[in-house]
PDB file of all heavy atoms in Angstrom:
ATOM      1  N   THR A   1      34.046  61.679  72.696  1.00  0.00           N
ATOM      2  CA  THR A   1      35.045  62.694  72.971  1.00  0.00           C
ATOM      3  C   THR A   1      35.837  62.988  71.710  1.00  0.00           C
ATOM      4  O   THR A   1      36.312  62.059  71.060  1.00  0.00           O
ATOM      5  CB  THR A   1      36.010  62.168  74.051  1.00  0.00           C
ATOM      6  OG1 THR A   1      35.229  61.838  75.190  1.00  0.00           O
ATOM      7  CG2 THR A   1      37.042  63.194  74.425  1.00  0.00           C
ATOM      8  N   PRO A   2      35.998  64.279  71.336  1.00  0.00           N
ATOM      9  CA  PRO A   2      36.830  64.583  70.182  1.00  0.00           C
ATOM     10  C   PRO A   2      38.244  64.059  70.401  1.00  0.00           C
ATOM     11  O   PRO A   2      38.765  64.121  71.505  1.00  0.00           O
ATOM     12  CB  PRO A   2      36.812  66.112  70.127  1.00  0.00           C
ATOM     13  CG  PRO A   2      35.585  66.508  70.862  1.00  0.00           C
ATOM     14  CD  PRO A   2      35.405  65.460  71.933  1.00  0.00           C
ATOM     15  N   HIS A   3      38.823  63.533  69.361  1.00  0.00           N
ATOM     16  CA  HIS A   3      40.159  62.964  69.462  1.00  0.00           C
ATOM     17  C   HIS A   3      41.193  64.058  69.690  1.00  0.00           C
ATOM     18  O   HIS A   3      41.161  65.084  69.042  1.00  0.00           O
ATOM     19  CB  HIS A   3      40.467  62.205  68.169  1.00  0.00           C
ATOM     20  CG  HIS A   3      41.598  61.273  68.330  1.00  0.00           C
ATOM     21  ND1 HIS A   3      42.887  61.698  68.381  1.00  0.00           N
ATOM     22  CD2 HIS A   3      41.622  59.948  68.490  1.00  0.00           C
ATOM     23  CE1 HIS A   3      43.675  60.658  68.542  1.00  0.00           C
ATOM     24  NE2 HIS A   3      42.933  59.595  68.616  1.00  0.00           N
ATOM     25  N   PRO A   4      42.132  63.858  70.643  1.00  0.00           N
ATOM     26  CA  PRO A   4      43.105  64.907  70.921  1.00  0.00           C
ATOM     27  C   PRO A   4      44.258  64.929  69.934  1.00  0.00           C
ATOM     28  O   PRO A   4      45.087  65.812  69.981  1.00  0.00           O
ATOM     29  CB  PRO A   4      43.624  64.533  72.306  1.00  0.00           C
ATOM     30  CG  PRO A   4      43.571  63.050  72.320  1.00  0.00           C
ATOM     31  CD  PRO A   4      42.336  62.699  71.511  1.00  0.00           C
ATOM     32  N   SER A   5      44.366  63.915  69.101  1.00  0.00           N
ATOM     33  CA  SER A   5      45.519  63.864  68.205  1.00  0.00           C
ATOM     34  C   SER A   5      45.055  63.602  66.783  1.00  0.00           C
ATOM     35  O   SER A   5      44.027  64.078  66.365  1.00  0.00           O
ATOM     36  CB  SER A   5      46.488  62.780  68.687  1.00  0.00           C
ATOM     37  OG  SER A   5      45.846  61.535  68.732  1.00  0.00           O
ATOM     38  N   ALA A   6      45.808  62.839  66.044  1.00  0.00           N
ATOM     39  CA  ALA A   6      45.470  62.567  64.649  1.00  0.00           C
ATOM     40  C   ALA A   6      44.138  61.838  64.567  1.00  0.00           C
ATOM     41  O   ALA A   6      43.719  61.180  65.504  1.00  0.00           O
ATOM     42  CB  ALA A   6      46.570  61.716  64.032  1.00  0.00           C
ATOM     43  N   SER A   7      43.459  61.949  63.438  1.00  0.00           N
ATOM     44  CA  SER A   7      42.159  61.311  63.272  1.00  0.00           C
ATOM     45  C   SER A   7      42.292  59.802  63.405  1.00  0.00           C
ATOM     46  O   SER A   7      43.132  59.184  62.760  1.00  0.00           O
ATOM     47  CB  SER A   7      41.580  61.626  61.898  1.00  0.00           C
ATOM     48  OG  SER A   7      41.293  62.986  61.806  1.00  0.00           O
ATOM     49  N   PRO A   8      41.439  59.184  64.248  1.00  0.00           N
ATOM     50  CA  PRO A   8      41.490  57.733  64.368  1.00  0.00           C
ATOM     51  C   PRO A   8      40.841  57.089  63.156  1.00  0.00           C
ATOM     52  O   PRO A   8      40.051  57.707  62.462  1.00  0.00           O
ATOM     53  CB  PRO A   8      40.657  57.456  65.620  1.00  0.00           C
ATOM     54  CG  PRO A   8      39.690  58.582  65.675  1.00  0.00           C
ATOM     55  CD  PRO A   8      40.400  59.772  65.096  1.00  0.00           C
ATOM     56  N   THR A   9      41.166  55.831  62.915  1.00  0.00           N
ATOM     57  CA  THR A   9      40.473  55.079  61.888  1.00  0.00           C
ATOM     58  C   THR A   9      39.200  54.558  62.525  1.00  0.00           C
ATOM     59  O   THR A   9      39.261  53.812  63.492  1.00  0.00           O
ATOM     60  CB  THR A   9      41.347  53.895  61.413  1.00  0.00           C
ATOM     61  OG1 THR A   9      42.616  54.416  61.044  1.00  0.00           O
ATOM     62  CG2 THR A   9      40.714  53.187  60.255  1.00  0.00           C
ATOM     63  N   PRO A  10      38.010  54.962  62.057  1.00  0.00           N
ATOM     64  CA  PRO A  10      36.785  54.560  62.725  1.00  0.00           C
ATOM     65  C   PRO A  10      36.484  53.084  62.516  1.00  0.00           C
ATOM     66  O   PRO A  10      36.848  52.491  61.521  1.00  0.00           O
ATOM     67  CB  PRO A  10      35.714  55.428  62.067  1.00  0.00           C
ATOM     68  CG  PRO A  10      36.268  55.756  60.728  1.00  0.00           C
ATOM     69  CD  PRO A  10      37.765  55.788  60.874  1.00  0.00           C
ATOM     70  N   SER A  11      35.794  52.506  63.491  1.00  0.00           N
ATOM     71  CA  SER A  11      35.366  51.117  63.396  1.00  0.00           C
ATOM     72  C   SER A  11      33.933  51.055  63.885  1.00  0.00           C
ATOM     73  O   SER A  11      33.681  51.298  65.057  1.00  0.00           O
ATOM     74  CB  SER A  11      36.266  50.235  64.267  1.00  0.00           C
ATOM     75  OG  SER A  11      35.772  48.926  64.315  1.00  0.00           O
ATOM     76  N   PRO A  12      32.956  50.761  63.031  1.00  0.00           N
ATOM     77  CA  PRO A  12      31.564  50.858  63.399  1.00  0.00           C
ATOM     78  C   PRO A  12      31.149  49.919  64.523  1.00  0.00           C
ATOM     79  O   PRO A  12      30.251  50.236  65.278  1.00  0.00           O
ATOM     80  CB  PRO A  12      30.821  50.513  62.103  1.00  0.00           C
ATOM     81  CG  PRO A  12      31.813  49.846  61.226  1.00  0.00           C
ATOM     82  CD  PRO A  12      33.152  50.339  61.650  1.00  0.00           C
ATOM     83  N   ALA A  13      31.788  48.756  64.657  1.00  0.00           N
ATOM     84  CA  ALA A  13      31.362  47.802  65.678  1.00  0.00           C
ATOM     85  C   ALA A  13      32.257  47.830  66.907  1.00  0.00           C
ATOM     86  O   ALA A  13      32.214  46.947  67.730  1.00  0.00           O
ATOM     87  CB  ALA A  13      31.356  46.396  65.091  1.00  0.00           C
ATOM     88  N   ARG A  14      33.086  48.869  67.024  1.00  0.00           N
ATOM     89  CA  ARG A  14      34.059  48.904  68.099  1.00  0.00           C
ATOM     90  C   ARG A  14      33.368  48.845  69.459  1.00  0.00           C
ATOM     91  O   ARG A  14      32.439  49.575  69.738  1.00  0.00           O
ATOM     92  CB  ARG A  14      34.872  50.145  67.847  1.00  0.00           C
ATOM     93  CG  ARG A  14      35.330  51.035  68.783  1.00  0.00           C
ATOM     94  CD  ARG A  14      36.220  52.087  68.114  1.00  0.00           C
ATOM     95  NE  ARG A  14      35.731  53.419  68.321  1.00  0.00           N
ATOM     96  CZ  ARG A  14      35.751  54.366  67.438  1.00  0.00           C
ATOM     97  NH1 ARG A  14      36.214  54.135  66.251  1.00  0.00           N
ATOM     98  NH2 ARG A  14      35.315  55.547  67.715  1.00  0.00           N
ATOM     99  N   GLY A  15      33.807  47.933  70.316  1.00  0.00           N
ATOM    100  CA  GLY A  15      33.296  47.844  71.677  1.00  0.00           C
ATOM    101  C   GLY A  15      31.923  47.233  71.825  1.00  0.00           C
ATOM    102  O   GLY A  15      31.371  47.233  72.912  1.00  0.00           O
ATOM    103  N   GLU A  16      31.334  46.695  70.733  1.00  0.00           N
ATOM    104  CA  GLU A  16      29.972  46.184  70.819  1.00  0.00           C
ATOM    105  C   GLU A  16      29.873  45.103  71.886  1.00  0.00           C
ATOM    106  O   GLU A  16      30.709  44.220  71.973  1.00  0.00           O
ATOM    107  CB  GLU A  16      29.543  45.631  69.463  1.00  0.00           C
ATOM    108  CG  GLU A  16      28.046  45.486  69.323  1.00  0.00           C
ATOM    109  CD  GLU A  16      27.646  45.142  67.910  1.00  0.00           C
ATOM    110  OE1 GLU A  16      28.182  45.753  66.976  1.00  0.00           O
ATOM    111  OE2 GLU A  16      26.807  44.256  67.765  1.00  0.00           O
ATOM    112  N   GLY A  17      28.815  45.172  72.724  1.00  0.00           N
ATOM    113  CA  GLY A  17      28.621  44.191  73.782  1.00  0.00           C
ATOM    114  C   GLY A  17      29.325  44.547  75.077  1.00  0.00           C
ATOM    115  O   GLY A  17      29.070  43.949  76.109  1.00  0.00           O
ATOM    116  N   LYS A  18      30.216  45.532  75.051  1.00  0.00           N
ATOM    117  CA  LYS A  18      30.924  45.946  76.254  1.00  0.00           C
ATOM    118  C   LYS A  18      30.005  46.713  77.180  1.00  0.00           C
ATOM    119  O   LYS A  18      29.018  47.300  76.755  1.00  0.00           O
ATOM    120  CB  LYS A  18      32.083  46.883  75.882  1.00  0.00           C
ATOM    121  CG  LYS A  18      33.334  46.194  75.426  1.00  0.00           C
ATOM    122  CD  LYS A  18      34.343  47.203  74.952  1.00  0.00           C
ATOM    123  CE  LYS A  18      35.288  47.600  76.042  1.00  0.00           C
ATOM    124  NZ  LYS A  18      36.387  48.434  75.532  1.00  0.00           N
ATOM    125  N   LEU A  19      30.344  46.719  78.459  1.00  0.00           N
ATOM    126  CA  LEU A  19      29.644  47.543  79.430  1.00  0.00           C
ATOM    127  C   LEU A  19      30.470  48.798  79.662  1.00  0.00           C
ATOM    128  O   LEU A  19      31.684  48.730  79.852  1.00  0.00           O
ATOM    129  CB  LEU A  19      29.453  46.786  80.745  1.00  0.00           C
ATOM    130  CG  LEU A  19      28.509  45.592  80.704  1.00  0.00           C
ATOM    131  CD1 LEU A  19      28.481  44.899  82.059  1.00  0.00           C
ATOM    132  CD2 LEU A  19      27.107  45.997  80.285  1.00  0.00           C
ATOM    133  N   ILE A  20      29.801  49.949  79.657  1.00  0.00           N
ATOM    134  CA  ILE A  20      30.459  51.234  79.869  1.00  0.00           C
ATOM    135  C   ILE A  20      29.975  51.798  81.200  1.00  0.00           C
ATOM    136  O   ILE A  20      28.774  51.972  81.405  1.00  0.00           O
ATOM    137  CB  ILE A  20      30.113  52.235  78.742  1.00  0.00           C
ATOM    138  CG1 ILE A  20      30.369  51.627  77.361  1.00  0.00           C
ATOM    139  CG2 ILE A  20      30.864  53.542  78.934  1.00  0.00           C
ATOM    140  CD1 ILE A  20      31.799  51.355  77.022  1.00  0.00           C
ATOM    141  N   ALA A  21      30.893  52.065  82.118  1.00  0.00           N
ATOM    142  CA  ALA A  21      30.532  52.611  83.425  1.00  0.00           C
ATOM    143  C   ALA A  21      30.043  54.045  83.276  1.00  0.00           C
ATOM    144  O   ALA A  21      30.720  54.880  82.671  1.00  0.00           O
ATOM    145  CB  ALA A  21      31.733  52.555  84.368  1.00  0.00           C
ATOM    146  N   LEU A  22      28.850  54.319  83.814  1.00  0.00           N
ATOM    147  CA  LEU A  22      28.263  55.659  83.724  1.00  0.00           C
ATOM    148  C   LEU A  22      28.196  56.366  85.067  1.00  0.00           C
ATOM    149  O   LEU A  22      28.034  57.580  85.124  1.00  0.00           O
ATOM    150  CB  LEU A  22      26.846  55.588  83.145  1.00  0.00           C
ATOM    151  CG  LEU A  22      26.692  55.065  81.728  1.00  0.00           C
ATOM    152  CD1 LEU A  22      25.237  55.178  81.300  1.00  0.00           C
ATOM    153  CD2 LEU A  22      27.577  55.824  80.764  1.00  0.00           C
ATOM    154  N   GLY A  23      28.288  55.601  86.159  1.00  0.00           N
ATOM    155  CA  GLY A  23      28.179  56.229  87.477  1.00  0.00           C
ATOM    156  C   GLY A  23      28.164  55.186  88.579  1.00  0.00           C
ATOM    157  O   GLY A  23      28.295  53.988  88.321  1.00  0.00           O
ATOM    158  N   VAL A  24      27.986  55.668  89.800  1.00  0.00           N
ATOM    159  CA  VAL A  24      27.935  54.774  90.956  1.00  0.00           C
ATOM    160  C   VAL A  24      26.917  55.329  91.951  1.00  0.00           C
ATOM    161  O   VAL A  24      26.818  56.533  92.144  1.00  0.00           O
ATOM    162  CB  VAL A  24      29.338  54.606  91.596  1.00  0.00           C
ATOM    163  CG1 VAL A  24      29.888  55.926  92.125  1.00  0.00           C
ATOM    164  CG2 VAL A  24      29.326  53.543  92.691  1.00  0.00           C
ATOM    165  N   PHE A  25      26.147  54.424  92.550  1.00  0.00           N
ATOM    166  CA  PHE A  25      25.173  54.830  93.556  1.00  0.00           C
ATOM    167  C   PHE A  25      25.887  55.269  94.829  1.00  0.00           C
ATOM    168  O   PHE A  25      26.846  54.626  95.273  1.00  0.00           O
ATOM    169  CB  PHE A  25      24.228  53.685  93.910  1.00  0.00           C
ATOM    170  CG  PHE A  25      23.198  53.375  92.861  1.00  0.00           C
ATOM    171  CD1 PHE A  25      23.151  52.127  92.264  1.00  0.00           C
ATOM    172  CD2 PHE A  25      22.262  54.326  92.481  1.00  0.00           C
ATOM    173  CE1 PHE A  25      22.202  51.829  91.308  1.00  0.00           C
ATOM    174  CE2 PHE A  25      21.308  54.040  91.520  1.00  0.00           C
ATOM    175  CZ  PHE A  25      21.273  52.789  90.926  1.00  0.00           C
ATOM    176  N   GLY A  26      25.379  56.350  95.400  1.00  0.00           N
ATOM    177  CA  GLY A  26      25.866  56.824  96.689  1.00  0.00           C
ATOM    178  C   GLY A  26      24.840  56.548  97.770  1.00  0.00           C
ATOM    179  O   GLY A  26      24.061  55.593  97.681  1.00  0.00           O
ATOM    180  N   ALA A  27      24.811  57.401  98.772  1.00  0.00           N
ATOM    181  CA  ALA A  27      23.919  57.238  99.922  1.00  0.00           C
ATOM    182  C   ALA A  27      22.475  57.562  99.540  1.00  0.00           C
ATOM    183  O   ALA A  27      22.223  58.257  98.559  1.00  0.00           O
ATOM    184  CB  ALA A  27      24.383  58.154 101.047  1.00  0.00           C
ATOM    185  N   PRO A  28      21.510  57.065 100.332  1.00  0.00           N
ATOM    186  CA  PRO A  28      20.114  57.448 100.100  1.00  0.00           C
ATOM    187  C   PRO A  28      19.920  58.942 100.321  1.00  0.00           C
ATOM    188  O   PRO A  28      20.690  59.567 101.058  1.00  0.00           O
ATOM    189  CB  PRO A  28      19.331  56.659 101.149  1.00  0.00           C
ATOM    190  CG  PRO A  28      20.289  55.792 101.855  1.00  0.00           C
ATOM    191  CD  PRO A  28      21.673  56.180 101.476  1.00  0.00           C
ATOM    192  N   GLN A  29      18.899  59.499  99.695  1.00  0.00           N
ATOM    193  CA  GLN A  29      18.553  60.912  99.851  1.00  0.00           C
ATOM    194  C   GLN A  29      17.127  60.955 100.388  1.00  0.00           C
ATOM    195  O   GLN A  29      16.185  60.665  99.666  1.00  0.00           O
ATOM    196  CB  GLN A  29      18.650  61.638  98.510  1.00  0.00           C
ATOM    197  CG  GLN A  29      18.241  63.094  98.545  1.00  0.00           C
ATOM    198  CD  GLN A  29      19.347  63.992  99.064  1.00  0.00           C
ATOM    199  OE1 GLN A  29      20.496  63.570  99.201  1.00  0.00           O
ATOM    200  NE2 GLN A  29      19.012  65.227  99.367  1.00  0.00           N
ATOM    201  N   GLY A  30      16.973  61.279 101.657  1.00  0.00           N
ATOM    202  CA  GLY A  30      15.640  61.316 102.255  1.00  0.00           C
ATOM    203  C   GLY A  30      15.122  59.930 102.582  1.00  0.00           C
ATOM    204  O   GLY A  30      15.871  58.958 102.629  1.00  0.00           O
ATOM    205  N   VAL A  31      13.786  59.832 102.794  1.00  0.00           N
ATOM    206  CA  VAL A  31      13.193  58.576 103.259  1.00  0.00           C
ATOM    207  C   VAL A  31      12.276  57.923 102.233  1.00  0.00           C
ATOM    208  O   VAL A  31      11.692  56.885 102.502  1.00  0.00           O
ATOM    209  CB  VAL A  31      12.401  58.813 104.578  1.00  0.00           C
ATOM    210  CG1 VAL A  31      13.339  59.242 105.688  1.00  0.00           C
ATOM    211  CG2 VAL A  31      11.287  59.826 104.377  1.00  0.00           C
ATOM    212  N   ARG A  32      12.150  58.509 101.038  1.00  0.00           N
ATOM    213  CA  ARG A  32      11.188  57.997 100.057  1.00  0.00           C
ATOM    214  C   ARG A  32      11.829  57.182  98.935  1.00  0.00           C
ATOM    215  O   ARG A  32      11.247  57.009  97.869  1.00  0.00           O
ATOM    216  CB  ARG A  32      10.383  59.143  99.471  1.00  0.00           C
ATOM    217  CG  ARG A  32       9.559  59.830 100.537  1.00  0.00           C
ATOM    218  CD  ARG A  32       8.656  60.861  99.961  1.00  0.00           C
ATOM    219  NE  ARG A  32       7.863  61.476 101.019  1.00  0.00           N
ATOM    220  CZ  ARG A  32       7.005  62.424 100.817  1.00  0.00           C
ATOM    221  NH1 ARG A  32       6.809  62.903  99.603  1.00  0.00           N
ATOM    222  NH2 ARG A  32       6.314  62.941 101.818  1.00  0.00           N
ATOM    223  N   GLY A  33      13.045  56.725  99.141  1.00  0.00           N
ATOM    224  CA  GLY A  33      13.664  55.844  98.165  1.00  0.00           C
ATOM    225  C   GLY A  33      14.568  56.521  97.151  1.00  0.00           C
ATOM    226  O   GLY A  33      15.120  55.857  96.280  1.00  0.00           O
ATOM    227  N   GLU A  34      14.720  57.838  97.244  1.00  0.00           N
ATOM    228  CA  GLU A  34      15.651  58.498  96.327  1.00  0.00           C
ATOM    229  C   GLU A  34      17.087  58.144  96.725  1.00  0.00           C
ATOM    230  O   GLU A  34      17.375  57.883  97.893  1.00  0.00           O
ATOM    231  CB  GLU A  34      15.461  60.009  96.348  1.00  0.00           C
ATOM    232  CG  GLU A  34      14.178  60.465  95.677  1.00  0.00           C
ATOM    233  CD  GLU A  34      14.091  61.965  95.553  1.00  0.00           C
ATOM    234  OE1 GLU A  34      14.418  62.663  96.526  1.00  0.00           O
ATOM    235  OE2 GLU A  34      13.701  62.444  94.479  1.00  0.00           O
ATOM    236  N   VAL A  35      17.966  58.130  95.741  1.00  0.00           N
ATOM    237  CA  VAL A  35      19.356  57.751  95.980  1.00  0.00           C
ATOM    238  C   VAL A  35      20.274  58.687  95.217  1.00  0.00           C
ATOM    239  O   VAL A  35      19.929  59.174  94.140  1.00  0.00           O
ATOM    240  CB  VAL A  35      19.588  56.263  95.583  1.00  0.00           C
ATOM    241  CG1 VAL A  35      19.341  56.050  94.102  1.00  0.00           C
ATOM    242  CG2 VAL A  35      20.973  55.791  95.968  1.00  0.00           C
ATOM    243  N   ARG A  36      21.430  58.945  95.787  1.00  0.00           N
ATOM    244  CA  ARG A  36      22.421  59.774  95.099  1.00  0.00           C
ATOM    245  C   ARG A  36      23.187  58.927  94.092  1.00  0.00           C
ATOM    246  O   ARG A  36      23.415  57.744  94.314  1.00  0.00           O
ATOM    247  CB  ARG A  36      23.404  60.376  96.107  1.00  0.00           C
ATOM    248  CG  ARG A  36      22.745  61.330  97.067  1.00  0.00           C
ATOM    249  CD  ARG A  36      23.728  61.880  98.056  1.00  0.00           C
ATOM    250  NE  ARG A  36      23.024  62.627  99.089  1.00  0.00           N
ATOM    251  CZ  ARG A  36      23.627  63.373 100.000  1.00  0.00           C
ATOM    252  NH1 ARG A  36      24.944  63.464 100.009  1.00  0.00           N
ATOM    253  NH2 ARG A  36      22.927  64.012 100.903  1.00  0.00           N
ATOM    254  N   ILE A  37      23.580  59.577  93.005  1.00  0.00           N
ATOM    255  CA  ILE A  37      24.406  58.923  91.992  1.00  0.00           C
ATOM    256  C   ILE A  37      25.552  59.862  91.655  1.00  0.00           C
ATOM    257  O   ILE A  37      25.329  61.033  91.346  1.00  0.00           O
ATOM    258  CB  ILE A  37      23.610  58.628  90.703  1.00  0.00           C
ATOM    259  CG1 ILE A  37      22.490  57.626  90.965  1.00  0.00           C
ATOM    260  CG2 ILE A  37      24.546  58.094  89.606  1.00  0.00           C
ATOM    261  CD1 ILE A  37      21.594  57.383  89.753  1.00  0.00           C
ATOM    262  N   LYS A  38      26.774  59.346  91.715  1.00  0.00           N
ATOM    263  CA  LYS A  38      27.915  60.096  91.201  1.00  0.00           C
ATOM    264  C   LYS A  38      28.030  59.727  89.727  1.00  0.00           C
ATOM    265  O   LYS A  38      28.274  58.573  89.377  1.00  0.00           O
ATOM    266  CB  LYS A  38      29.201  59.747  91.936  1.00  0.00           C
ATOM    267  CG  LYS A  38      30.384  60.535  91.394  1.00  0.00           C
ATOM    268  CD  LYS A  38      31.662  60.224  92.109  1.00  0.00           C
ATOM    269  CE  LYS A  38      32.793  61.046  91.493  1.00  0.00           C
ATOM    270  NZ  LYS A  38      34.075  60.762  92.108  1.00  0.00           N
ATOM    271  N   SER A  39      27.817  60.718  88.861  1.00  0.00           N
ATOM    272  CA  SER A  39      27.811  60.474  87.420  1.00  0.00           C
ATOM    273  C   SER A  39      29.213  60.624  86.843  1.00  0.00           C
ATOM    274  O   SER A  39      29.951  61.526  87.207  1.00  0.00           O
ATOM    275  CB  SER A  39      26.862  61.478  86.749  1.00  0.00           C
ATOM    276  OG  SER A  39      26.906  61.332  85.359  1.00  0.00           O
ATOM    277  N   TYR A  40      29.567  59.716  85.923  1.00  0.00           N
ATOM    278  CA  TYR A  40      30.847  59.793  85.233  1.00  0.00           C
ATOM    279  C   TYR A  40      30.718  60.504  83.888  1.00  0.00           C
ATOM    280  O   TYR A  40      31.706  60.669  83.185  1.00  0.00           O
ATOM    281  CB  TYR A  40      31.402  58.391  84.952  1.00  0.00           C
ATOM    282  CG  TYR A  40      31.623  57.509  86.148  1.00  0.00           C
ATOM    283  CD1 TYR A  40      31.618  56.120  86.003  1.00  0.00           C
ATOM    284  CD2 TYR A  40      31.854  58.022  87.424  1.00  0.00           C
ATOM    285  CE1 TYR A  40      31.831  55.279  87.083  1.00  0.00           C
ATOM    286  CE2 TYR A  40      32.059  57.184  88.497  1.00  0.00           C
ATOM    287  CZ  TYR A  40      32.045  55.810  88.327  1.00  0.00           C
ATOM    288  OH  TYR A  40      32.255  54.974  89.392  1.00  0.00           O
ATOM    289  N   THR A  41      29.501  60.853  83.484  1.00  0.00           N
ATOM    290  CA  THR A  41      29.300  61.438  82.165  1.00  0.00           C
ATOM    291  C   THR A  41      29.624  62.928  82.171  1.00  0.00           C
ATOM    292  O   THR A  41      29.542  63.583  83.199  1.00  0.00           O
ATOM    293  CB  THR A  41      27.854  61.216  81.683  1.00  0.00           C
ATOM    294  OG1 THR A  41      26.950  61.788  82.615  1.00  0.00           O
ATOM    295  CG2 THR A  41      27.545  59.740  81.532  1.00  0.00           C
ATOM    296  N   ARG A  42      30.000  63.446  81.005  1.00  0.00           N
ATOM    297  CA  ARG A  42      30.372  64.860  80.882  1.00  0.00           C
ATOM    298  C   ARG A  42      29.231  65.751  81.358  1.00  0.00           C
ATOM    299  O   ARG A  42      29.432  66.678  82.132  1.00  0.00           O
ATOM    300  CB  ARG A  42      30.726  65.186  79.435  1.00  0.00           C
ATOM    301  CG  ARG A  42      31.269  66.593  79.249  1.00  0.00           C
ATOM    302  CD  ARG A  42      31.535  66.904  77.792  1.00  0.00           C
ATOM    303  NE  ARG A  42      32.464  65.960  77.202  1.00  0.00           N
ATOM    304  CZ  ARG A  42      32.368  65.477  75.973  1.00  0.00           C
ATOM    305  NH1 ARG A  42      31.382  65.841  75.193  1.00  0.00           N
ATOM    306  NH2 ARG A  42      33.248  64.637  75.519  1.00  0.00           N
ATOM    307  N   ASP A  43      28.004  65.490  80.889  1.00  0.00           N
ATOM    308  CA  ASP A  43      26.805  66.132  81.422  1.00  0.00           C
ATOM    309  C   ASP A  43      26.246  65.152  82.438  1.00  0.00           C
ATOM    310  O   ASP A  43      25.772  64.079  82.067  1.00  0.00           O
ATOM    311  CB  ASP A  43      25.786  66.383  80.302  1.00  0.00           C
ATOM    312  CG  ASP A  43      24.431  66.828  80.837  1.00  0.00           C
ATOM    313  OD1 ASP A  43      24.304  67.089  82.051  1.00  0.00           O
ATOM    314  OD2 ASP A  43      23.487  66.905  80.037  1.00  0.00           O
TER     315      ASP A  43
END
C-alpha cells in the first residue's frame, strides 16, 4: 500500500516469518467441494 504520509524508512527483512491474513473460508458452494472465500486482498 502506498504510504499515506511521509516516506517510511524501508527495512528489507521487515515482518519476515510473520503470517499475513489473506481471507477466510465461507460456506460450501454446490456439492463438488467448492468453497467460498472472503478475500482480504485489494484484488
